[in-house]
N, C-alpha and C. Protein backbone atom coordinates (compact mmCIF):
# COMPACT_ATOMS: atom_id res chain seq x y z
N MET A 1 8.24 29.19 -31.04
CA MET A 1 7.83 30.53 -30.65
C MET A 1 8.75 31.54 -31.34
N ASN A 2 8.18 32.53 -32.00
CA ASN A 2 9.03 33.50 -32.69
C ASN A 2 9.55 34.55 -31.70
N GLN A 3 10.49 35.37 -32.19
CA GLN A 3 11.15 36.34 -31.32
C GLN A 3 10.16 37.34 -30.72
N HIS A 4 9.16 37.74 -31.49
CA HIS A 4 8.15 38.69 -31.00
C HIS A 4 7.43 38.13 -29.77
N HIS A 5 7.02 36.89 -29.84
CA HIS A 5 6.33 36.25 -28.71
C HIS A 5 7.28 36.07 -27.52
N THR A 6 8.52 35.72 -27.81
CA THR A 6 9.50 35.56 -26.74
C THR A 6 9.73 36.88 -26.02
N LEU A 7 9.85 37.96 -26.80
CA LEU A 7 10.05 39.28 -26.18
C LEU A 7 8.82 39.72 -25.40
N ASN A 8 7.64 39.37 -25.89
CA ASN A 8 6.42 39.67 -25.12
C ASN A 8 6.44 38.94 -23.79
N ALA A 9 6.88 37.70 -23.79
CA ALA A 9 6.99 36.94 -22.53
C ALA A 9 8.02 37.60 -21.61
N ASP A 10 9.10 38.12 -22.19
CA ASP A 10 10.11 38.83 -21.40
C ASP A 10 9.52 40.11 -20.79
N LEU A 11 8.72 40.82 -21.58
CA LEU A 11 8.07 42.03 -21.07
C LEU A 11 7.15 41.70 -19.90
N GLU A 12 6.41 40.62 -20.04
CA GLU A 12 5.51 40.20 -18.96
C GLU A 12 6.30 39.83 -17.71
N SER A 13 7.40 39.12 -17.89
CA SER A 13 8.24 38.76 -16.74
C SER A 13 8.77 40.01 -16.06
N LEU A 14 9.19 40.99 -16.85
CA LEU A 14 9.68 42.25 -16.28
C LEU A 14 8.57 42.96 -15.52
N PHE A 15 7.38 43.00 -16.09
CA PHE A 15 6.25 43.64 -15.43
C PHE A 15 5.93 42.95 -14.11
N TYR A 16 5.79 41.63 -14.14
CA TYR A 16 5.43 40.90 -12.92
C TYR A 16 6.56 40.94 -11.89
N GLY A 17 7.79 40.87 -12.37
CA GLY A 17 8.93 40.96 -11.45
C GLY A 17 8.98 42.32 -10.77
N TYR A 18 8.76 43.38 -11.54
CA TYR A 18 8.77 44.73 -10.96
C TYR A 18 7.62 44.89 -9.97
N ARG A 19 6.47 44.33 -10.30
CA ARG A 19 5.33 44.41 -9.37
C ARG A 19 5.68 43.73 -8.05
N THR A 20 6.31 42.56 -8.11
CA THR A 20 6.73 41.87 -6.90
C THR A 20 7.78 42.68 -6.16
N PHE A 21 8.73 43.24 -6.91
CA PHE A 21 9.84 44.00 -6.34
C PHE A 21 9.35 45.23 -5.58
N THR A 22 8.28 45.85 -6.05
CA THR A 22 7.79 47.09 -5.44
C THR A 22 6.63 46.89 -4.46
N SER A 23 6.06 45.70 -4.41
CA SER A 23 4.83 45.52 -3.62
C SER A 23 5.02 45.73 -2.12
N LEU A 24 6.06 45.19 -1.53
CA LEU A 24 6.25 45.36 -0.08
C LEU A 24 6.56 46.81 0.28
N PRO A 25 7.49 47.49 -0.42
CA PRO A 25 7.67 48.91 -0.12
C PRO A 25 6.39 49.72 -0.31
N ASP A 26 5.63 49.41 -1.36
CA ASP A 26 4.36 50.12 -1.57
C ASP A 26 3.43 49.95 -0.37
N GLU A 27 3.36 48.73 0.16
CA GLU A 27 2.52 48.47 1.34
C GLU A 27 3.01 49.27 2.55
N MET A 28 4.32 49.41 2.70
CA MET A 28 4.87 50.18 3.82
C MET A 28 4.61 51.68 3.65
N LEU A 29 4.59 52.14 2.41
CA LEU A 29 4.42 53.57 2.14
C LEU A 29 2.97 54.03 2.27
N THR A 30 2.03 53.16 1.95
CA THR A 30 0.61 53.54 1.91
C THR A 30 0.11 54.15 3.21
N PRO A 31 0.36 53.55 4.39
CA PRO A 31 -0.15 54.18 5.61
C PRO A 31 0.48 55.54 5.91
N LEU A 32 1.64 55.80 5.30
CA LEU A 32 2.31 57.09 5.49
C LEU A 32 1.86 58.12 4.47
N GLN A 33 0.93 57.72 3.61
CA GLN A 33 0.44 58.54 2.50
C GLN A 33 1.60 58.96 1.59
N LEU A 34 2.48 57.99 1.33
CA LEU A 34 3.60 58.19 0.43
C LEU A 34 3.51 57.16 -0.69
N ALA A 35 4.27 57.40 -1.75
CA ALA A 35 4.22 56.52 -2.92
C ALA A 35 5.63 56.20 -3.40
N ARG A 36 5.69 55.48 -4.51
CA ARG A 36 6.98 55.05 -5.07
C ARG A 36 7.93 56.19 -5.35
N VAL A 37 7.41 57.32 -5.82
CA VAL A 37 8.28 58.46 -6.10
C VAL A 37 8.98 58.93 -4.83
N HIS A 38 8.29 58.86 -3.71
CA HIS A 38 8.91 59.24 -2.43
C HIS A 38 10.04 58.27 -2.09
N HIS A 39 9.82 56.98 -2.34
CA HIS A 39 10.86 55.98 -2.08
C HIS A 39 12.09 56.26 -2.94
N ARG A 40 11.87 56.58 -4.22
CA ARG A 40 13.01 56.86 -5.11
C ARG A 40 13.80 58.06 -4.60
N ILE A 41 13.11 59.09 -4.16
CA ILE A 41 13.79 60.27 -3.62
C ILE A 41 14.60 59.88 -2.39
N LEU A 42 13.96 59.19 -1.46
CA LEU A 42 14.66 58.75 -0.25
C LEU A 42 15.88 57.90 -0.60
N TYR A 43 15.73 57.00 -1.56
CA TYR A 43 16.83 56.11 -1.95
C TYR A 43 18.04 56.91 -2.44
N PHE A 44 17.82 57.82 -3.38
CA PHE A 44 18.95 58.56 -3.96
C PHE A 44 19.56 59.55 -2.98
N VAL A 45 18.75 60.17 -2.14
CA VAL A 45 19.31 61.07 -1.13
C VAL A 45 20.13 60.27 -0.12
N ALA A 46 19.66 59.10 0.26
CA ALA A 46 20.40 58.25 1.21
C ALA A 46 21.77 57.86 0.67
N ARG A 47 21.87 57.62 -0.64
CA ARG A 47 23.13 57.20 -1.24
C ARG A 47 24.11 58.35 -1.40
N ASP A 48 23.63 59.59 -1.31
CA ASP A 48 24.49 60.76 -1.54
C ASP A 48 24.00 61.93 -0.70
N GLN A 49 24.14 61.78 0.62
CA GLN A 49 23.68 62.84 1.54
C GLN A 49 24.34 64.16 1.15
N GLY A 50 23.54 65.21 1.04
CA GLY A 50 24.04 66.52 0.66
C GLY A 50 23.97 66.78 -0.84
N LEU A 51 23.38 65.86 -1.59
CA LEU A 51 23.31 66.10 -3.03
C LEU A 51 22.38 67.27 -3.32
N SER A 52 22.61 67.90 -4.45
CA SER A 52 21.80 69.07 -4.81
C SER A 52 20.49 68.61 -5.44
N VAL A 53 19.53 69.51 -5.44
CA VAL A 53 18.25 69.23 -6.07
C VAL A 53 18.46 68.93 -7.55
N ASN A 54 19.34 69.69 -8.21
CA ASN A 54 19.59 69.46 -9.64
C ASN A 54 20.19 68.08 -9.90
N THR A 55 21.08 67.63 -9.03
CA THR A 55 21.64 66.29 -9.17
C THR A 55 20.55 65.24 -9.00
N LEU A 56 19.69 65.45 -8.03
CA LEU A 56 18.57 64.52 -7.82
C LEU A 56 17.66 64.49 -9.04
N LEU A 57 17.36 65.65 -9.60
CA LEU A 57 16.53 65.71 -10.80
C LEU A 57 17.14 64.89 -11.93
N ALA A 58 18.45 65.03 -12.11
CA ALA A 58 19.14 64.30 -13.18
C ALA A 58 19.09 62.79 -12.93
N ARG A 59 19.29 62.38 -11.70
CA ARG A 59 19.29 60.95 -11.40
C ARG A 59 17.90 60.34 -11.57
N LEU A 60 16.88 61.09 -11.20
CA LEU A 60 15.51 60.59 -11.32
C LEU A 60 14.98 60.73 -12.75
N GLY A 61 15.56 61.66 -13.51
CA GLY A 61 15.09 61.88 -14.87
C GLY A 61 13.71 62.50 -14.92
N ILE A 62 13.43 63.41 -13.97
CA ILE A 62 12.12 64.07 -13.92
C ILE A 62 12.31 65.58 -13.90
N SER A 63 11.23 66.31 -14.08
CA SER A 63 11.27 67.77 -14.09
C SER A 63 11.20 68.32 -12.67
N LYS A 64 11.55 69.60 -12.54
CA LYS A 64 11.43 70.26 -11.23
C LYS A 64 9.99 70.22 -10.75
N GLN A 65 9.08 70.41 -11.69
CA GLN A 65 7.65 70.40 -11.34
C GLN A 65 7.25 69.03 -10.78
N ALA A 66 7.74 67.96 -11.38
CA ALA A 66 7.39 66.61 -10.91
C ALA A 66 8.01 66.31 -9.55
N LEU A 67 9.16 66.91 -9.25
CA LEU A 67 9.83 66.67 -7.97
C LEU A 67 9.26 67.52 -6.85
N ASN A 68 8.76 68.69 -7.18
CA ASN A 68 8.38 69.67 -6.17
C ASN A 68 7.43 69.13 -5.10
N ARG A 69 6.30 68.59 -5.50
CA ARG A 69 5.30 68.13 -4.52
C ARG A 69 5.82 67.00 -3.64
N PRO A 70 6.34 65.90 -4.21
CA PRO A 70 6.80 64.82 -3.33
C PRO A 70 7.96 65.23 -2.42
N LEU A 71 8.84 66.09 -2.90
CA LEU A 71 9.94 66.55 -2.06
C LEU A 71 9.40 67.40 -0.90
N ARG A 72 8.45 68.27 -1.18
CA ARG A 72 7.84 69.07 -0.11
C ARG A 72 7.14 68.18 0.91
N GLU A 73 6.48 67.13 0.44
CA GLU A 73 5.79 66.21 1.36
C GLU A 73 6.80 65.50 2.27
N LEU A 74 7.92 65.08 1.71
CA LEU A 74 8.95 64.43 2.52
C LEU A 74 9.54 65.40 3.54
N GLN A 75 9.69 66.65 3.15
CA GLN A 75 10.19 67.65 4.09
C GLN A 75 9.16 67.91 5.18
N ALA A 76 7.90 68.01 4.81
CA ALA A 76 6.84 68.27 5.79
C ALA A 76 6.72 67.14 6.81
N LYS A 77 7.03 65.92 6.39
CA LYS A 77 6.99 64.77 7.30
C LYS A 77 8.29 64.61 8.08
N GLY A 78 9.24 65.52 7.85
CA GLY A 78 10.50 65.48 8.58
C GLY A 78 11.43 64.36 8.14
N LEU A 79 11.27 63.88 6.91
CA LEU A 79 12.10 62.78 6.41
C LEU A 79 13.29 63.27 5.60
N VAL A 80 13.13 64.42 4.95
CA VAL A 80 14.20 65.03 4.16
C VAL A 80 14.44 66.43 4.67
N ILE A 81 15.71 66.79 4.76
CA ILE A 81 16.11 68.12 5.22
C ILE A 81 16.79 68.83 4.05
N ALA A 82 16.31 70.03 3.74
CA ALA A 82 16.92 70.84 2.68
C ALA A 82 17.65 72.00 3.35
N SER A 83 18.86 72.24 2.89
CA SER A 83 19.65 73.35 3.43
C SER A 83 20.44 74.00 2.31
N THR A 84 20.93 75.20 2.58
CA THR A 84 21.75 75.90 1.60
C THR A 84 23.12 75.24 1.54
N ALA A 85 23.60 75.01 0.33
CA ALA A 85 24.91 74.38 0.15
C ALA A 85 26.01 75.33 0.62
N ARG A 86 27.03 74.77 1.23
CA ARG A 86 28.15 75.58 1.72
C ARG A 86 28.90 76.25 0.58
N HIS A 87 29.02 75.57 -0.54
CA HIS A 87 29.82 76.07 -1.65
C HIS A 87 29.10 77.10 -2.51
N ASP A 88 27.75 77.18 -2.41
CA ASP A 88 27.00 78.09 -3.26
C ASP A 88 25.62 78.31 -2.64
N ALA A 89 25.34 79.55 -2.26
CA ALA A 89 24.08 79.87 -1.59
C ALA A 89 22.86 79.65 -2.49
N ARG A 90 23.08 79.54 -3.80
CA ARG A 90 21.96 79.33 -4.72
C ARG A 90 21.56 77.86 -4.81
N VAL A 91 22.39 76.99 -4.26
CA VAL A 91 22.18 75.55 -4.38
C VAL A 91 21.55 75.00 -3.10
N LYS A 92 20.51 74.19 -3.27
CA LYS A 92 19.86 73.54 -2.14
C LYS A 92 20.39 72.12 -2.02
N SER A 93 20.91 71.78 -0.83
CA SER A 93 21.42 70.43 -0.56
C SER A 93 20.36 69.64 0.19
N LEU A 94 20.29 68.35 -0.10
CA LEU A 94 19.30 67.48 0.52
C LEU A 94 19.99 66.40 1.35
N ALA A 95 19.39 66.08 2.47
CA ALA A 95 19.87 65.00 3.33
C ALA A 95 18.66 64.36 4.00
N LEU A 96 18.84 63.13 4.47
CA LEU A 96 17.77 62.46 5.20
C LEU A 96 17.91 62.73 6.68
N SER A 97 16.79 62.91 7.35
CA SER A 97 16.78 62.97 8.80
C SER A 97 16.97 61.55 9.33
N GLU A 98 17.09 61.40 10.63
CA GLU A 98 17.20 60.05 11.20
C GLU A 98 15.98 59.20 10.84
N SER A 99 14.80 59.81 10.93
CA SER A 99 13.59 59.03 10.59
C SER A 99 13.54 58.74 9.09
N GLY A 100 14.05 59.65 8.28
CA GLY A 100 14.13 59.40 6.84
C GLY A 100 15.09 58.26 6.52
N GLN A 101 16.22 58.23 7.22
CA GLN A 101 17.19 57.14 7.04
C GLN A 101 16.58 55.81 7.45
N ALA A 102 15.87 55.81 8.56
CA ALA A 102 15.26 54.56 9.04
C ALA A 102 14.22 54.05 8.05
N LEU A 103 13.39 54.95 7.53
CA LEU A 103 12.36 54.54 6.57
C LEU A 103 13.01 54.03 5.29
N GLU A 104 13.99 54.75 4.78
CA GLU A 104 14.65 54.33 3.54
C GLU A 104 15.28 52.96 3.72
N GLU A 105 15.93 52.73 4.84
CA GLU A 105 16.56 51.44 5.10
C GLU A 105 15.52 50.33 5.13
N GLN A 106 14.40 50.58 5.76
CA GLN A 106 13.33 49.57 5.83
C GLN A 106 12.80 49.26 4.43
N LEU A 107 12.55 50.29 3.64
CA LEU A 107 12.01 50.10 2.30
C LEU A 107 12.99 49.36 1.39
N SER A 108 14.23 49.83 1.37
CA SER A 108 15.22 49.25 0.45
C SER A 108 15.72 47.90 0.91
N SER A 109 15.76 47.66 2.21
CA SER A 109 16.24 46.35 2.67
C SER A 109 15.30 45.24 2.23
N SER A 110 14.01 45.53 2.16
CA SER A 110 13.07 44.51 1.67
C SER A 110 13.38 44.16 0.22
N GLN A 111 13.79 45.14 -0.56
CA GLN A 111 14.12 44.89 -1.96
C GLN A 111 15.47 44.19 -2.10
N ARG A 112 16.43 44.56 -1.27
CA ARG A 112 17.73 43.87 -1.30
C ARG A 112 17.54 42.39 -0.95
N GLU A 113 16.71 42.11 0.04
CA GLU A 113 16.44 40.72 0.43
C GLU A 113 15.81 39.94 -0.72
N LEU A 114 14.90 40.56 -1.43
CA LEU A 114 14.25 39.90 -2.56
C LEU A 114 15.28 39.58 -3.65
N LEU A 115 16.18 40.53 -3.93
CA LEU A 115 17.23 40.28 -4.91
C LEU A 115 18.14 39.14 -4.46
N GLN A 116 18.52 39.15 -3.18
CA GLN A 116 19.38 38.08 -2.66
C GLN A 116 18.71 36.72 -2.83
N GLN A 117 17.43 36.65 -2.55
CA GLN A 117 16.70 35.38 -2.69
C GLN A 117 16.68 34.92 -4.14
N ALA A 118 16.44 35.85 -5.05
CA ALA A 118 16.41 35.49 -6.47
C ALA A 118 17.79 35.05 -6.95
N PHE A 119 18.83 35.77 -6.56
CA PHE A 119 20.19 35.40 -6.97
C PHE A 119 20.58 34.05 -6.38
N ALA A 120 20.13 33.74 -5.18
CA ALA A 120 20.44 32.45 -4.55
C ALA A 120 19.81 31.30 -5.33
N GLN A 121 18.66 31.55 -5.95
CA GLN A 121 17.98 30.50 -6.72
C GLN A 121 18.63 30.27 -8.09
N SER A 122 19.36 31.29 -8.58
CA SER A 122 19.98 31.15 -9.89
C SER A 122 21.30 31.92 -9.93
N PRO A 123 22.30 31.48 -9.14
CA PRO A 123 23.56 32.22 -9.06
C PRO A 123 24.25 32.38 -10.41
N GLU A 124 24.05 31.42 -11.31
CA GLU A 124 24.69 31.51 -12.62
C GLU A 124 24.10 32.63 -13.48
N SER A 125 22.92 33.11 -13.13
CA SER A 125 22.26 34.17 -13.89
C SER A 125 22.53 35.57 -13.35
N GLU A 126 23.12 35.66 -12.18
CA GLU A 126 23.30 36.95 -11.51
C GLU A 126 24.10 37.93 -12.36
N ALA A 127 25.24 37.52 -12.89
CA ALA A 127 26.08 38.42 -13.69
C ALA A 127 25.35 38.86 -14.95
N GLY A 128 24.63 37.96 -15.59
CA GLY A 128 23.88 38.31 -16.79
C GLY A 128 22.78 39.31 -16.50
N TRP A 129 22.09 39.11 -15.39
CA TRP A 129 21.03 40.05 -15.01
C TRP A 129 21.62 41.44 -14.79
N ARG A 130 22.75 41.50 -14.08
CA ARG A 130 23.40 42.80 -13.83
C ARG A 130 23.82 43.46 -15.13
N LYS A 131 24.32 42.68 -16.06
CA LYS A 131 24.75 43.22 -17.36
C LYS A 131 23.55 43.79 -18.11
N ILE A 132 22.46 43.07 -18.17
CA ILE A 132 21.25 43.55 -18.85
C ILE A 132 20.74 44.84 -18.20
N MET A 133 20.66 44.86 -16.88
CA MET A 133 20.19 46.07 -16.18
C MET A 133 21.12 47.25 -16.44
N SER A 134 22.42 47.00 -16.47
CA SER A 134 23.39 48.05 -16.73
C SER A 134 23.22 48.61 -18.14
N ILE A 135 23.02 47.73 -19.10
CA ILE A 135 22.81 48.18 -20.48
C ILE A 135 21.55 49.02 -20.58
N LEU A 136 20.46 48.56 -19.98
CA LEU A 136 19.21 49.31 -20.02
C LEU A 136 19.32 50.66 -19.33
N ALA A 137 20.03 50.70 -18.21
CA ALA A 137 20.15 51.93 -17.43
C ALA A 137 21.16 52.91 -18.02
N SER A 138 22.14 52.42 -18.77
CA SER A 138 23.24 53.27 -19.20
C SER A 138 22.85 54.32 -20.22
N ASN A 139 21.92 54.02 -21.06
CA ASN A 139 21.55 55.00 -22.08
C ASN A 139 20.10 54.81 -22.47
N GLN A 140 19.23 55.26 -21.60
CA GLN A 140 17.81 55.04 -21.84
C GLN A 140 17.32 55.72 -23.12
N ARG A 141 17.92 56.83 -23.52
CA ARG A 141 17.48 57.51 -24.74
C ARG A 141 17.77 56.67 -25.99
N ALA A 142 18.84 55.89 -25.95
CA ALA A 142 19.20 55.07 -27.12
C ALA A 142 18.13 54.04 -27.43
N PHE A 143 17.32 53.67 -26.46
CA PHE A 143 16.33 52.62 -26.66
C PHE A 143 14.95 53.16 -27.01
N ARG A 144 14.81 54.47 -27.06
CA ARG A 144 13.50 55.03 -27.40
C ARG A 144 13.26 54.92 -28.90
N PRO A 145 12.06 54.52 -29.28
CA PRO A 145 11.77 54.44 -30.72
C PRO A 145 11.72 55.84 -31.32
N PRO A 146 12.07 55.99 -32.59
CA PRO A 146 12.03 57.32 -33.22
C PRO A 146 10.59 57.85 -33.25
N THR A 147 10.47 59.16 -33.15
CA THR A 147 9.12 59.77 -33.18
C THR A 147 8.84 60.38 -34.52
């Protein structure tokens, strides 16, 4: 098998793995009329309560326009609370409500459990997987093909 075919198989594994990784949270979000973007917002706000909207935009790598609707929906459902930052009245700080924290924990714990199960099946691969994910996440622009 040549490298091109091997990499195609790797792409398929990544696709199917990601589908498995997101399927249970997606099922939990559907009855709430929420989607993966809402989960990502909840996840990053949970890890840094009080973060600014601009920090969230940078972490998600999306535009203000792309964030606006899902963030408003989370606020309308009482899952995310936006307030004026103490250090600067122009800055909006985000935090999760108790129900937002509970939902985020439920969504992300299912994914943590899946990772634990996979690592338990191949403990010798865990460090390599983390290294590959770190490389991919560290500089996403470096991997874009020239236009």
